[in-house]
C-alpha atoms as a PDB file:
ATOM      1  CA  MET A   1      20.634 -14.575  31.886  1.00  0.00           C
ATOM      2  CA  THR A   2      21.780 -11.098  32.826  1.00  0.00           C
ATOM      3  CA  ASP A   3      20.494  -7.841  31.438  1.00  0.00           C
ATOM      4  CA  LEU A   4      22.805  -5.569  29.506  1.00  0.00           C
ATOM      5  CA  PRO A   5      24.076  -2.735  31.676  1.00  0.00           C
ATOM      6  CA  THR A   6      23.009   0.718  30.661  1.00  0.00           C
ATOM      7  CA  VAL A   7      25.806   3.078  29.752  1.00  0.00           C
ATOM      8  CA  SER A   8      25.878   6.463  31.414  1.00  0.00           C
ATOM      9  CA  PRO A   9      28.162   8.884  29.581  1.00  0.00           C
ATOM     10  CA  ALA A  10      27.910  11.276  32.540  1.00  0.00           C
ATOM     11  CA  LYS A  11      30.684   9.185  34.070  1.00  0.00           C
ATOM     12  CA  HIS A  12      32.802   9.781  30.981  1.00  0.00           C
ATOM     13  CA  SER A  13      34.296  12.869  29.466  1.00  0.00           C
ATOM     14  CA  LEU A  14      32.345  15.397  27.474  1.00  0.00           C
ATOM     15  CA  PRO A  15      33.992  14.356  24.159  1.00  0.00           C
ATOM     16  CA  VAL A  16      32.714  10.787  24.662  1.00  0.00           C
ATOM     17  CA  ARG A  17      29.214  12.072  25.325  1.00  0.00           C
ATOM     18  CA  ALA A  18      29.457  14.387  22.305  1.00  0.00           C
ATOM     19  CA  LEU A  19      30.344  11.416  20.108  1.00  0.00           C
ATOM     20  CA  TRP A  20      27.349   9.455  21.432  1.00  0.00           C
ATOM     21  CA  MET A  21      25.144  12.505  20.878  1.00  0.00           C
ATOM     22  CA  LEU A  22      26.292  12.748  17.270  1.00  0.00           C
ATOM     23  CA  LEU A  23      25.589   9.063  16.663  1.00  0.00           C
ATOM     24  CA  MET A  24      22.182   9.337  18.334  1.00  0.00           C
ATOM     25  CA  ALA A  25      21.330  12.377  16.188  1.00  0.00           C
ATOM     26  CA  VAL A  26      22.017  10.288  13.079  1.00  0.00           C
ATOM     27  CA  ALA A  27      19.879   7.468  14.524  1.00  0.00           C
ATOM     28  CA  PHE A  28      17.131  10.038  15.197  1.00  0.00           C
ATOM     29  CA  HIS A  29      16.997  11.122  11.554  1.00  0.00           C
ATOM     30  CA  ILE A  30      17.004   7.556  10.243  1.00  0.00           C
ATOM     31  CA  THR A  31      14.252   6.578  12.679  1.00  0.00           C
ATOM     32  CA  ALA A  32      12.163   9.635  11.798  1.00  0.00           C
ATOM     33  CA  CYS A  33      12.388   8.735   8.102  1.00  0.00           C
ATOM     34  CA  LEU A  34      11.371   5.154   8.862  1.00  0.00           C
ATOM     35  CA  LEU A  35       8.427   6.384  10.913  1.00  0.00           C
ATOM     36  CA  SER A  36       7.335   8.555   7.977  1.00  0.00           C
ATOM     37  CA  VAL A  37       7.421   5.530   5.668  1.00  0.00           C
ATOM     38  CA  ILE A  38       5.367   3.520   8.174  1.00  0.00           C
ATOM     39  CA  ALA A  39       2.809   6.340   8.345  1.00  0.00           C
ATOM     40  CA  LEU A  40       2.527   6.389   4.547  1.00  0.00           C
ATOM     41  CA  VAL A  41       2.114   2.601   4.401  1.00  0.00           C
ATOM     42  CA  GLN A  42      -0.556   2.779   7.122  1.00  0.00           C
ATOM     43  CA  ILE A  43      -2.474   5.416   5.154  1.00  0.00           C
ATOM     44  CA  ILE A  44      -2.374   3.234   2.043  1.00  0.00           C
ATOM     45  CA  LEU A  45      -3.387   0.110   3.967  1.00  0.00           C
ATOM     46  CA  THR A  46      -6.233   1.886   5.718  1.00  0.00           C
ATOM     47  CA  ALA A  47      -7.480   3.327   2.426  1.00  0.00           C
ATOM     48  CA  THR A  48      -7.389  -0.037   0.646  1.00  0.00           C
ATOM     49  CA  THR A  49      -8.347  -2.515   3.378  1.00  0.00           C
ATOM     50  CA  GLY A  50     -10.234  -0.305   5.810  1.00  0.00           C
ATOM     51  CA  ALA A  51      -7.952  -1.119   8.752  1.00  0.00           C
ATOM     52  CA  ALA A  52      -4.439  -0.284   9.858  1.00  0.00           C
ATOM     53  CA  ASN A  53      -1.854  -3.040  10.318  1.00  0.00           C
ATOM     54  CA  SER A  54      -1.507  -3.800  14.040  1.00  0.00           C
ATOM     55  CA  GLN A  55       2.145  -4.829  13.763  1.00  0.00           C
ATOM     56  CA  LEU A  56       3.043  -1.560  12.030  1.00  0.00           C
ATOM     57  CA  THR A  57       1.052   0.298  14.684  1.00  0.00           C
ATOM     58  CA  SER A  58       3.108  -1.348  17.420  1.00  0.00           C
ATOM     59  CA  LEU A  59       6.365  -0.664  15.568  1.00  0.00           C
ATOM     60  CA  GLY A  60       5.368   2.971  15.081  1.00  0.00           C
ATOM     61  CA  ARG A  61       4.677   3.318  18.799  1.00  0.00           C
ATOM     62  CA  GLU A  62       8.085   1.812  19.636  1.00  0.00           C
ATOM     63  CA  LEU A  63       9.842   4.098  17.160  1.00  0.00           C
ATOM     64  CA  GLY A  64       8.110   7.105  18.706  1.00  0.00           C
ATOM     65  CA  GLN A  65       9.313   6.102  22.160  1.00  0.00           C
ATOM     66  CA  TYR A  66      12.821   5.568  20.785  1.00  0.00           C
ATOM     67  CA  LEU A  67      12.761   9.069  19.274  1.00  0.00           C
ATOM     68  CA  ARG A  68      11.700  10.419  22.681  1.00  0.00           C
ATOM     69  CA  GLN A  69      14.612   8.621  24.363  1.00  0.00           C
ATOM     70  CA  ILE A  70      17.082  10.013  21.821  1.00  0.00           C
ATOM     71  CA  ALA A  71      15.711  13.542  22.233  1.00  0.00           C
ATOM     72  CA  GLY A  72      16.067  13.251  26.005  1.00  0.00           C
ATOM     73  CA  PHE A  73      19.653  12.064  25.719  1.00  0.00           C
ATOM     74  CA  VAL A  74      20.737  14.642  23.147  1.00  0.00           C
ATOM     75  CA  SER A  75      19.170  17.493  25.155  1.00  0.00           C
ATOM     76  CA  PHE A  76      20.929  16.358  28.376  1.00  0.00           C
ATOM     77  CA  ALA A  77      17.579  15.545  30.007  1.00  0.00           C
ATOM     78  CA  ASP A  78      18.695  11.910  30.422  1.00  0.00           C
ATOM     79  CA  ASP A  79      22.156  10.402  30.852  1.00  0.00           C
ATOM     80  CA  THR A  80      21.294   6.917  29.593  1.00  0.00           C
ATOM     81  CA  VAL A  81      22.401   6.202  26.030  1.00  0.00           C
ATOM     82  CA  PRO A  82      19.391   4.788  24.107  1.00  0.00           C
ATOM     83  CA  PHE A  83      19.386   1.551  22.081  1.00  0.00           C
ATOM     84  CA  PRO A  84      21.753  -0.153  21.159  1.00  0.00           C
ATOM     85  CA  LEU A  85      23.351   0.409  24.576  1.00  0.00           C
ATOM     86  CA  SER A  86      20.014   0.171  26.383  1.00  0.00           C
ATOM     87  CA  ASP A  87      16.953  -1.987  25.898  1.00  0.00           C
ATOM     88  CA  TRP A  88      14.691  -1.335  22.914  1.00  0.00           C
ATOM     89  CA  PRO A  89      11.551   0.510  24.084  1.00  0.00           C
ATOM     90  CA  SER A  90       8.473  -1.645  24.415  1.00  0.00           C
ATOM     91  CA  GLY A  91       5.332  -0.775  22.491  1.00  0.00           C
ATOM     92  CA  GLN A  92       3.213  -0.717  25.639  1.00  0.00           C
END
């Protein structure tokens, strides 16, 4: 099985990159809201059960890395378009 190729908008025109940047900015805001909800759920779970949910912890870590990838792309620090055109960041 082959890996999906990463898309580098640097090879494309600036309007194409601008469109990807706009879409990634929307993804950033949605992801940030989701991360806030996960944080709230973790606070509630920790208060009621005494321990955080490990699956939500892993998801939160992945979302944080995804936000970092988007910020790098939108600020021109990285030319690789984040997920869905690249692999989802691992929670490692």
